[in-house]
Amino acid sequence: MQESGGVMQNSVQEKQKSIIKGTALYAIGNFGSKILSFIIVPLYTFYIAPEQLGLYDLLLTTVSLLMPLISMQLTDATYKWCVDDRSEEKRYISLTYLALGISSLLTLAMILGVGSSIIGFSNSLYLALMLLSQMWFWSLQRMLRIHFHQRKFVVSGLFQSLSFFVLTLFFVCVFRLGVAGLCYSFIISHAIGCVYILFSSNELLLFEKCFDLNTIKKMLYFSLPLIPSAMCWWMINSSDKYIILWFLGTAQNGIYAVSSKFPAIIQTINSVFYTAWQDVAIREKQGKDRDELFSATFEQYYRLSFGLALVIIPFMHLALPLFVSNAYASSSKYMAFLFLGAVFQGFASFLGIIYLNENKTMGATVTSFIAAIINIIVDFALMKLVGLYAAGISTFVGFLVICAIRFSHTRKYVNLKINKPLFVSLFILSLISTIGNCFDYLPAEIASLFVGLIGCVIVNKSILIKYGKI
């Protein structure tokens, strides 16, 4: 029995090493792209007024809303089906291209037809091309993972981000094209990323003439329930911007747009980890040590997430005003709850993989919908009372609720063991830091950063020793 336990422990450790290796690879691409994004955001605050930046951010927000609809989340099914049955890979990929091609034509026609009368032809064209370029880039990246092309996934992300950075300097800073320049940069950089993926991966250039309605139905039966789930996540993350526009105006939306860019540090960590973890978790659906793997991985994940939040929240509050124009300096006050919300977004994603593993995608949808409704209620209840703070609070509350529901709901599939005293203690400490950093009081901010650094090292000491060899 002891030997069996040792073998199981070794198996879990090997799989965790695989997760760490994948996370490191994805991190190179994601953090490279985010570093470029963080550099460019302060730069274009000197060239674009808050009102205009608010308009661009609304276009991006609308792209995020429509992405699940036009993509039908189909590549989630493509990825899972191809991993499960390699012999039908070519057919699944070909059917995915066909479905996405039809969706692209319909989307272009509808946005130009309907949107022109609402936001004007030029804005409608920007919206349509931004949406389609991002949808194809995102879909092709997902399909790269069918053959575990992690390095190509990383390079494609870096290539797209570097292209966006250079094009933004060119269109916005040199030619002073404003919002139009940002839109051009977005569209062209994603198109460049698509070209790179297709010509670097022969597996994705293969196309089989087929129209198998039954297979399409099977794939859509899996993927369509993920659409409302993805849109609910959009409601939690992005619906705030429309409510801000309604209550506070475009300029405040521009301030919030800058505030919401920097919690992407933690969202990037979430995305990197989620991608690597999904590569392992999908293959562990029936693994004997599945419960132990999920529990051990989650503990390391929440230790790291809370630890980073304790450092990043006070640091960004102190540092951001030094790097943006005075018109955006107040944005540092509204980031704290967005950072904590991003932590719980990561936990919700971790639990969401359990639904995918069990083919229970409707569970992901229902839990996301409940949280999205709560998010909107909190927004409307608090926006007039506390202004932009309401957007961060509602995002945090939404993801906190979805985590609570999923913790309870997924126990029937995976026995996730959690060190409750540790988890609750880290949560309370992070919440205190979050509330404290909503105000401008320099001694408290410095003390918070100092305590956060110590807390992060103590909580993650075992991880640092195990994987950092220190």
Protein backbone atom coordinates (compact mmCIF):
# COMPACT_ATOMS: atom_id res chain seq x y z
CA MET A 1 0.00 0.00 0.00
CA GLN A 2 2.86 2.30 0.88
CA GLU A 3 4.54 1.52 -2.43
CA SER A 4 1.29 2.27 -4.28
CA GLY A 5 1.04 5.62 -2.50
CA GLY A 6 4.63 6.43 -3.46
CA VAL A 7 4.01 5.57 -7.09
CA MET A 8 0.88 7.75 -7.09
CA GLN A 9 2.81 10.63 -5.50
CA ASN A 10 5.53 10.34 -8.15
CA SER A 11 2.87 10.28 -10.87
CA VAL A 12 1.29 13.48 -9.52
CA GLN A 13 4.70 15.17 -9.34
CA GLU A 14 5.52 14.19 -12.92
CA LYS A 15 2.24 15.63 -14.15
CA GLN A 16 2.80 18.80 -12.18
CA LYS A 17 6.22 19.13 -13.81
CA SER A 18 4.45 18.83 -17.17
CA ILE A 19 2.07 21.62 -16.12
CA ILE A 20 4.99 23.80 -15.04
CA LYS A 21 6.85 23.18 -18.29
CA GLY A 22 3.76 24.07 -20.31
CA THR A 23 3.08 27.10 -18.11
CA ALA A 24 6.65 28.32 -18.63
CA LEU A 25 6.34 28.02 -22.40
CA TYR A 26 2.96 29.75 -22.57
CA ALA A 27 4.23 32.39 -20.13
CA ILE A 28 7.04 33.41 -22.48
CA GLY A 29 4.53 34.24 -25.19
CA ASN A 30 1.84 35.72 -22.98
CA PHE A 31 4.09 37.80 -20.76
CA GLY A 32 6.06 39.00 -23.76
CA SER A 33 2.84 40.21 -25.33
CA LYS A 34 1.56 41.76 -22.09
CA ILE A 35 4.84 43.58 -21.46
CA LEU A 36 4.48 45.18 -24.87
CA SER A 37 0.86 46.04 -24.03
CA PHE A 38 1.86 47.62 -20.72
CA ILE A 39 4.50 49.70 -22.48
CA ILE A 40 2.15 50.90 -25.18
CA VAL A 41 -0.80 51.81 -22.87
CA PRO A 42 1.01 54.63 -21.01
CA LEU A 43 2.47 55.78 -24.33
CA TYR A 44 -0.81 56.26 -26.15
CA THR A 45 -2.40 58.04 -23.17
CA PHE A 46 -0.25 60.99 -24.29
CA TYR A 47 -1.68 60.90 -27.83
CA ILE A 48 -5.35 59.97 -27.32
CA ALA A 49 -7.89 61.83 -25.14
CA PRO A 50 -9.91 59.86 -22.54
CA GLU A 51 -13.09 60.25 -24.61
CA GLN A 52 -11.46 58.75 -27.71
CA LEU A 53 -9.77 55.99 -25.74
CA GLY A 54 -13.15 55.22 -24.22
CA LEU A 55 -14.56 54.75 -27.74
CA TYR A 56 -11.78 52.34 -28.70
CA ASP A 57 -12.25 50.41 -25.48
CA LEU A 58 -15.97 50.07 -26.24
CA LEU A 59 -15.10 48.61 -29.66
CA LEU A 60 -12.79 46.09 -27.95
CA THR A 61 -15.50 45.32 -25.40
CA THR A 62 -18.02 44.68 -28.17
CA VAL A 63 -15.52 42.40 -29.92
CA SER A 64 -15.22 40.41 -26.68
CA LEU A 65 -19.01 40.15 -26.47
CA LEU A 66 -19.50 38.93 -30.03
CA MET A 67 -16.50 36.57 -30.18
CA PRO A 68 -18.27 33.60 -28.54
CA LEU A 69 -21.26 34.06 -30.87
CA ILE A 70 -19.43 34.10 -34.19
CA SER A 71 -16.85 31.48 -33.18
CA MET A 72 -19.58 29.29 -31.65
CA GLN A 73 -16.79 28.18 -29.27
CA LEU A 74 -16.30 25.52 -31.94
CA THR A 75 -12.57 25.12 -31.47
CA ASP A 76 -13.18 23.87 -27.93
CA ALA A 77 -14.97 20.91 -29.54
CA THR A 78 -12.34 20.62 -32.29
CA TYR A 79 -9.51 20.45 -29.76
CA LYS A 80 -11.23 17.86 -27.56
CA TRP A 81 -12.49 15.72 -30.46
CA CYS A 82 -9.09 15.67 -32.20
CA VAL A 83 -7.24 14.73 -29.01
CA ASP A 84 -9.77 11.92 -28.39
CA ASP A 85 -9.74 10.59 -31.98
CA ARG A 86 -6.64 11.35 -34.05
CA SER A 87 -7.88 9.34 -37.04
CA GLU A 88 -10.63 11.92 -37.73
CA GLU A 89 -8.49 14.98 -37.11
CA LYS A 90 -8.41 16.22 -40.70
CA ARG A 91 -12.19 16.01 -41.01
CA TYR A 92 -12.80 17.86 -37.73
CA ILE A 93 -10.42 20.67 -38.71
CA SER A 94 -11.95 20.95 -42.21
CA LEU A 95 -15.48 21.14 -40.80
CA THR A 96 -14.32 23.80 -38.35
CA TYR A 97 -12.92 25.95 -41.18
CA LEU A 98 -16.16 25.55 -43.13
CA ALA A 99 -18.35 26.55 -40.20
CA LEU A 100 -16.16 29.53 -39.25
CA GLY A 101 -16.01 30.68 -42.87
CA ILE A 102 -19.79 30.75 -43.16
CA SER A 103 -20.04 32.52 -39.81
CA SER A 104 -17.49 35.15 -40.95
CA LEU A 105 -19.48 36.05 -44.09
CA LEU A 106 -22.73 36.34 -42.16
CA THR A 107 -21.06 38.44 -39.46
CA LEU A 108 -19.55 40.87 -41.95
CA ALA A 109 -22.89 41.37 -43.70
CA MET A 110 -24.86 41.83 -40.47
CA ILE A 111 -22.47 44.26 -38.78
CA LEU A 112 -22.13 46.45 -41.86
CA GLY A 113 -25.86 46.28 -42.51
CA VAL A 114 -27.15 46.90 -39.00
CA GLY A 115 -24.21 48.66 -37.36
CA SER A 116 -23.84 51.40 -39.98
CA SER A 117 -27.10 53.02 -38.92
CA ILE A 118 -26.14 52.89 -35.25
CA ILE A 119 -22.41 53.70 -35.00
CA GLY A 120 -21.61 54.77 -38.57
CA PHE A 121 -20.04 52.88 -41.47
CA SER A 122 -16.38 53.43 -40.49
CA ASN A 123 -16.86 52.27 -36.89
CA SER A 124 -18.91 49.31 -38.13
CA LEU A 125 -16.12 48.34 -40.54
CA TYR A 126 -13.51 48.63 -37.78
CA LEU A 127 -15.69 46.49 -35.50
CA ALA A 128 -16.29 43.79 -38.12
CA LEU A 129 -12.64 43.48 -39.16
CA MET A 130 -11.37 43.57 -35.56
CA LEU A 131 -13.85 40.86 -34.64
CA LEU A 132 -13.05 38.57 -37.58
CA SER A 133 -9.28 38.97 -37.36
CA GLN A 134 -9.27 38.16 -33.65
CA MET A 135 -11.69 35.24 -34.07
CA TRP A 136 -9.52 33.56 -36.72
CA PHE A 137 -6.29 34.20 -34.80
CA TRP A 138 -7.78 32.84 -31.57
CA SER A 139 -9.24 29.79 -33.36
CA LEU A 140 -5.98 28.94 -35.15
CA GLN A 141 -4.04 29.28 -31.91
CA ARG A 142 -6.42 26.85 -30.23
CA MET A 143 -5.95 24.34 -33.04
CA LEU A 144 -2.16 24.57 -32.73
CA ARG A 145 -2.57 22.84 -29.39
CA ILE A 146 -4.09 19.75 -31.03
CA HIS A 147 -0.52 18.64 -31.78
CA PHE A 148 0.82 20.26 -28.60
CA HIS A 149 2.68 22.89 -30.63
CA GLN A 150 3.29 24.95 -27.49
CA ARG A 151 6.31 26.75 -28.94
CA LYS A 152 4.42 27.79 -32.08
CA PHE A 153 1.56 28.95 -29.86
CA VAL A 154 4.03 31.11 -27.94
CA VAL A 155 5.77 32.51 -31.01
CA SER A 156 2.47 33.35 -32.72
CA GLY A 157 1.40 35.36 -29.66
CA LEU A 158 4.70 37.22 -29.53
CA PHE A 159 4.61 37.85 -33.28
CA GLN A 160 1.09 39.30 -33.14
CA SER A 161 1.90 41.48 -30.10
CA LEU A 162 5.16 42.79 -31.54
CA SER A 163 3.35 43.63 -34.78
CA PHE A 164 0.66 45.51 -32.82
CA PHE A 165 3.32 47.42 -30.87
CA VAL A 166 5.24 48.51 -33.98
CA LEU A 167 2.10 49.36 -35.94
CA THR A 168 0.72 51.42 -33.02
CA LEU A 169 3.94 53.44 -32.86
CA PHE A 170 3.66 53.97 -36.59
CA PHE A 171 -0.06 54.84 -36.88
CA VAL A 172 -0.68 56.58 -33.53
CA CYS A 173 2.60 58.20 -32.53
CA VAL A 174 4.03 59.08 -35.96
CA PHE A 175 0.96 59.67 -38.15
CA ARG A 176 -1.33 60.72 -35.25
CA LEU A 177 -4.31 58.73 -36.55
CA GLY A 178 -5.81 58.35 -33.07
CA VAL A 179 -8.46 55.65 -32.60
CA ALA A 180 -8.34 54.74 -36.29
CA GLY A 181 -4.62 54.00 -35.91
CA LEU A 182 -5.30 51.67 -32.98
CA CYS A 183 -7.95 49.84 -35.03
CA TYR A 184 -5.60 49.46 -38.02
CA SER A 185 -2.89 48.11 -35.73
CA PHE A 186 -5.27 45.61 -34.14
CA ILE A 187 -6.60 44.25 -37.44
CA ILE A 188 -3.28 44.01 -39.28
CA SER A 189 -1.38 42.47 -36.35
CA HIS A 190 -3.96 39.68 -35.93
CA ALA A 191 -3.92 39.02 -39.67
CA ILE A 192 -0.12 38.72 -39.54
CA GLY A 193 -0.47 36.26 -36.65
CA CYS A 194 -2.89 34.12 -38.70
CA VAL A 195 -0.50 34.01 -41.65
CA TYR A 196 2.36 32.93 -39.39
CA ILE A 197 0.33 30.09 -37.83
CA LEU A 198 -0.88 28.71 -41.17
CA PHE A 199 2.53 28.74 -42.83
CA SER A 200 4.40 27.37 -39.81
CA SER A 201 2.01 24.44 -39.24
CA ASN A 202 1.37 22.16 -42.20
CA GLU A 203 -1.21 20.22 -40.16
CA LEU A 204 -3.52 23.24 -40.25
CA LEU A 205 -3.16 23.78 -44.01
CA LEU A 206 -4.73 20.40 -44.79
CA PHE A 207 -8.30 20.64 -46.01
CA GLU A 208 -10.73 17.86 -46.82
CA LYS A 209 -13.84 18.49 -48.93
CA CYS A 210 -16.66 17.32 -46.73
CA PHE A 211 -19.95 18.37 -45.26
CA ASP A 212 -20.92 15.98 -42.50
CA LEU A 213 -24.00 17.44 -40.85
CA ASN A 214 -24.08 14.80 -38.11
CA THR A 215 -20.50 15.53 -37.07
CA ILE A 216 -21.15 19.28 -37.08
CA LYS A 217 -24.22 18.71 -34.90
CA LYS A 218 -22.17 16.60 -32.48
CA MET A 219 -19.48 19.27 -32.20
CA LEU A 220 -22.02 22.06 -31.79
CA TYR A 221 -23.89 20.08 -29.14
CA PHE A 222 -20.69 20.23 -27.10
CA SER A 223 -19.66 23.81 -27.94
CA LEU A 224 -22.93 25.79 -28.06
CA PRO A 225 -23.60 25.61 -24.30
CA LEU A 226 -20.21 27.30 -23.86
CA ILE A 227 -21.47 30.41 -25.71
CA PRO A 228 -23.73 31.73 -22.95
CA SER A 229 -21.04 30.79 -20.44
CA ALA A 230 -18.44 32.86 -22.32
CA MET A 231 -20.90 35.73 -22.71
CA CYS A 232 -21.65 35.64 -18.99
CA TRP A 233 -17.92 35.98 -18.37
CA TRP A 234 -18.02 38.98 -20.67
CA MET A 235 -20.88 40.42 -18.61
CA ILE A 236 -18.79 40.09 -15.46
CA ASN A 237 -15.61 41.49 -17.04
CA SER A 238 -16.91 44.08 -19.48
CA SER A 239 -20.58 45.04 -19.05
CA ASP A 240 -19.36 47.57 -16.45
CA LYS A 241 -18.10 49.75 -19.29
CA TYR A 242 -21.56 50.22 -20.78
CA ILE A 243 -23.00 51.00 -17.35
CA ILE A 244 -20.17 53.50 -16.72
CA LEU A 245 -20.97 55.11 -20.09
CA TRP A 246 -24.62 55.39 -19.08
CA PHE A 247 -24.04 56.79 -15.58
CA LEU A 248 -20.70 58.60 -15.79
CA GLY A 249 -19.86 59.32 -19.44
CA THR A 250 -17.19 58.50 -22.02
CA ALA A 251 -14.31 60.24 -20.22
CA GLN A 252 -14.78 58.12 -17.09
CA ASN A 253 -14.94 55.07 -19.31
CA GLY A 254 -11.52 56.06 -20.65
CA ILE A 255 -10.17 56.28 -17.07
CA TYR A 256 -11.62 52.86 -16.28
CA ALA A 257 -10.16 51.47 -19.52
CA VAL A 258 -6.66 52.24 -18.21
CA SER A 259 -7.52 50.84 -14.75
CA SER A 260 -8.69 47.57 -16.27
CA LYS A 261 -5.58 47.10 -18.43
CA PHE A 262 -3.22 46.36 -15.55
CA PRO A 263 -5.15 43.62 -13.70
CA ALA A 264 -4.43 41.78 -16.94
CA ILE A 265 -1.13 40.87 -15.21
CA ILE A 266 -2.99 38.35 -13.08
CA GLN A 267 -5.41 37.49 -15.89
CA THR A 268 -2.39 36.63 -18.03
CA ILE A 269 -1.04 34.34 -15.32
CA ASN A 270 -4.49 32.73 -15.18
CA SER A 271 -4.59 32.28 -18.95
CA VAL A 272 -1.08 30.84 -19.08
CA PHE A 273 -1.76 28.38 -16.27
CA TYR A 274 -5.21 27.47 -17.61
CA THR A 275 -3.84 26.61 -21.05
CA ALA A 276 -1.06 24.41 -19.65
CA TRP A 277 -3.34 22.84 -17.04
CA GLN A 278 -6.01 22.04 -19.64
CA ASP A 279 -3.42 20.17 -21.74
CA VAL A 280 -2.84 17.86 -18.75
CA ALA A 281 -6.31 17.81 -17.16
CA ILE A 282 -8.16 16.70 -20.33
CA ARG A 283 -5.90 13.65 -20.53
CA GLU A 284 -6.53 12.86 -16.85
CA LYS A 285 -10.31 12.41 -17.00
CA GLN A 286 -10.12 8.80 -15.76
CA GLY A 287 -6.71 8.92 -14.06
CA LYS A 288 -6.41 6.98 -10.80
CA ASP A 289 -4.67 9.89 -9.09
CA ARG A 290 -6.97 12.54 -10.57
CA ASP A 291 -8.35 13.84 -7.25
CA GLU A 292 -4.89 14.13 -5.74
CA LEU A 293 -3.56 15.87 -8.87
CA PHE A 294 -6.42 18.39 -8.90
CA SER A 295 -6.08 19.09 -5.15
CA ALA A 296 -2.28 19.47 -5.13
CA THR A 297 -2.29 21.64 -8.25
CA PHE A 298 -5.06 23.90 -6.93
CA GLU A 299 -3.26 24.47 -3.63
CA GLN A 300 -0.10 25.60 -5.39
CA TYR A 301 -2.20 27.75 -7.70
CA TYR A 302 -4.11 29.64 -5.00
CA ARG A 303 -0.94 30.13 -2.91
CA LEU A 304 0.75 31.76 -5.90
CA SER A 305 -2.32 33.77 -6.97
CA PHE A 306 -3.01 35.30 -3.55
CA GLY A 307 0.71 35.88 -2.98
CA LEU A 308 1.10 37.79 -6.24
CA ALA A 309 -2.04 39.82 -5.54
CA LEU A 310 -0.60 40.91 -2.18
CA VAL A 311 2.43 42.33 -4.01
CA ILE A 312 0.97 43.61 -7.28
CA ILE A 313 -2.02 45.51 -5.82
CA PRO A 314 0.00 47.99 -3.70
CA PHE A 315 2.86 48.15 -6.21
CA MET A 316 0.63 49.17 -9.11
CA HIS A 317 -1.20 51.70 -6.97
CA LEU A 318 2.13 53.35 -6.17
CA ALA A 319 3.69 53.05 -9.64
CA LEU A 320 0.93 53.76 -12.17
CA PRO A 321 0.67 57.57 -11.66
CA LEU A 322 4.37 57.82 -12.56
CA PHE A 323 3.86 56.33 -16.03
CA VAL A 324 0.61 57.75 -17.40
CA SER A 325 -0.41 61.29 -18.26
CA ASN A 326 -2.08 63.39 -15.56
CA ALA A 327 -5.47 62.92 -17.24
CA TYR A 328 -5.34 59.22 -16.31
CA ALA A 329 -3.55 59.43 -12.93
CA SER A 330 -6.74 58.74 -10.94
CA SER A 331 -7.09 55.33 -12.62
CA SER A 332 -4.70 53.81 -10.02
CA LYS A 333 -7.41 54.04 -7.34
CA TYR A 334 -9.85 51.76 -9.14
CA MET A 335 -7.59 48.78 -9.86
CA ALA A 336 -7.52 46.99 -6.49
CA PHE A 337 -10.85 45.15 -6.65
CA LEU A 338 -10.19 44.33 -10.32
CA PHE A 339 -6.97 42.58 -9.28
CA LEU A 340 -8.76 40.52 -6.63
CA GLY A 341 -11.54 39.75 -9.10
CA ALA A 342 -8.90 38.46 -11.54
CA VAL A 343 -7.63 36.07 -8.83
CA PHE A 344 -11.08 34.53 -8.43
CA GLN A 345 -11.57 34.48 -12.19
CA GLY A 346 -8.58 32.14 -12.30
CA PHE A 347 -10.09 29.88 -9.65
CA ALA A 348 -13.38 29.76 -11.59
CA SER A 349 -11.49 28.77 -14.76
CA PHE A 350 -9.70 26.00 -12.89
CA LEU A 351 -13.01 24.56 -11.75
CA GLY A 352 -14.52 25.08 -15.20
CA ILE A 353 -12.17 22.49 -16.69
CA ILE A 354 -13.97 19.88 -14.58
CA TYR A 355 -17.17 20.62 -16.52
CA LEU A 356 -15.33 20.20 -19.83
CA ASN A 357 -13.82 16.92 -18.69
CA GLU A 358 -17.22 15.54 -17.73
CA ASN A 359 -18.98 16.91 -20.86
CA LYS A 360 -21.20 18.95 -18.53
CA THR A 361 -20.82 22.27 -20.32
CA MET A 362 -24.29 23.35 -19.24
CA GLY A 363 -23.02 23.46 -15.65
CA ALA A 364 -20.46 26.07 -16.69
CA THR A 365 -23.21 28.09 -18.35
CA VAL A 366 -25.63 28.08 -15.41
CA THR A 367 -23.01 29.05 -12.84
CA SER A 368 -21.66 31.82 -15.09
CA PHE A 369 -25.16 33.19 -15.70
CA ILE A 370 -25.93 33.48 -11.98
CA ALA A 371 -22.68 35.35 -11.35
CA ALA A 372 -23.25 37.68 -14.33
CA ILE A 373 -26.68 38.71 -13.07
CA ILE A 374 -25.25 39.45 -9.61
CA ASN A 375 -22.47 41.51 -11.24
CA ILE A 376 -24.98 43.72 -13.08
CA ILE A 377 -27.16 44.15 -9.97
CA VAL A 378 -24.15 45.29 -7.92
CA ASP A 379 -23.14 47.71 -10.70
CA PHE A 380 -26.55 49.39 -10.81
CA ALA A 381 -26.82 49.44 -7.01
CA LEU A 382 -23.42 51.06 -6.39
CA MET A 383 -22.50 53.11 -9.47
CA LYS A 384 -24.18 56.33 -8.29
CA LEU A 385 -22.96 55.84 -4.73
CA VAL A 386 -19.26 55.09 -5.23
CA GLY A 387 -18.65 55.88 -8.91
CA LEU A 388 -15.96 53.88 -10.72
CA TYR A 389 -15.25 51.81 -7.60
CA ALA A 390 -18.54 50.02 -8.31
CA ALA A 391 -17.14 48.43 -11.48
CA GLY A 392 -14.27 46.77 -9.64
CA ILE A 393 -16.44 45.68 -6.71
CA SER A 394 -19.07 44.13 -9.00
CA THR A 395 -16.40 42.22 -10.95
CA PHE A 396 -14.92 40.85 -7.74
CA VAL A 397 -18.31 39.86 -6.32
CA GLY A 398 -19.31 38.17 -9.59
CA PHE A 399 -16.24 35.93 -9.68
CA LEU A 400 -16.44 35.25 -5.93
CA VAL A 401 -19.99 33.97 -6.40
CA ILE A 402 -19.13 31.78 -9.40
CA CYS A 403 -16.25 30.21 -7.43
CA ALA A 404 -18.47 29.49 -4.42
CA ILE A 405 -21.08 27.79 -6.60
CA ARG A 406 -18.55 25.78 -8.60
CA PHE A 407 -16.68 24.62 -5.49
CA SER A 408 -19.93 23.08 -4.29
CA HIS A 409 -21.22 21.85 -7.65
CA THR A 410 -18.07 20.12 -8.96
CA ARG A 411 -17.57 17.99 -5.82
CA LYS A 412 -19.75 15.33 -7.41
CA TYR A 413 -17.09 14.90 -10.13
CA VAL A 414 -13.78 15.62 -8.37
CA ASN A 415 -13.06 15.40 -4.64
CA LEU A 416 -11.09 18.65 -4.40
CA LYS A 417 -9.41 18.83 -0.98
CA ILE A 418 -8.74 22.38 0.20
CA ASN A 419 -6.78 23.61 3.21
CA LYS A 420 -9.65 25.84 4.36
CA PRO A 421 -7.84 27.75 7.15
CA LEU A 422 -5.02 28.67 4.75
CA PHE A 423 -7.37 29.59 1.89
CA VAL A 424 -9.61 31.76 4.10
CA SER A 425 -6.63 33.48 5.76
CA LEU A 426 -5.08 34.39 2.41
CA PHE A 427 -8.43 35.62 1.13
CA ILE A 428 -9.02 37.88 4.16
CA LEU A 429 -5.47 39.28 3.97
CA SER A 430 -5.91 39.99 0.24
CA LEU A 431 -9.28 41.64 0.87
CA ILE A 432 -7.81 43.93 3.54
CA SER A 433 -5.00 44.91 1.16
CA THR A 434 -7.52 45.52 -1.62
CA ILE A 435 -9.71 47.84 0.46
CA GLY A 436 -6.70 49.69 1.85
CA ASN A 437 -5.31 50.39 -1.62
CA CYS A 438 -8.52 52.03 -2.83
CA PHE A 439 -7.38 55.18 -1.01
CA ASP A 440 -4.44 57.54 -1.48
CA TYR A 441 -2.44 57.24 1.74
CA LEU A 442 1.25 56.75 1.01
CA PRO A 443 2.44 55.25 4.35
CA ALA A 444 -0.32 52.61 4.24
CA GLU A 445 0.52 51.77 0.60
CA ILE A 446 4.22 51.30 1.37
CA ALA A 447 3.42 49.19 4.46
CA SER A 448 0.99 47.12 2.39
CA LEU A 449 3.66 46.46 -0.23
CA PHE A 450 6.22 45.45 2.43
CA VAL A 451 3.77 43.09 4.17
CA GLY A 452 2.69 41.70 0.79
CA LEU A 453 6.25 40.85 -0.22
CA ILE A 454 6.89 39.02 3.05
CA GLY A 455 3.54 37.21 2.83
CA CYS A 456 4.13 36.15 -0.77
CA VAL A 457 7.54 34.62 0.04
CA ILE A 458 6.30 32.83 3.18
CA VAL A 459 3.21 31.37 1.53
CA ASN A 460 5.12 30.20 -1.55
CA LYS A 461 8.32 29.13 0.20
CA SER A 462 7.72 25.43 -0.46
CA ILE A 463 7.03 26.10 -4.16
CA LEU A 464 10.16 28.25 -4.48
CA ILE A 465 12.28 25.58 -2.82
CA LYS A 466 10.76 22.75 -4.85
CA TYR A 467 10.91 24.36 -8.27
CA GLY A 468 13.35 27.23 -7.84
CA LYS A 469 16.04 25.30 -6.01
CA ILE A 470 16.56 28.08 -3.49
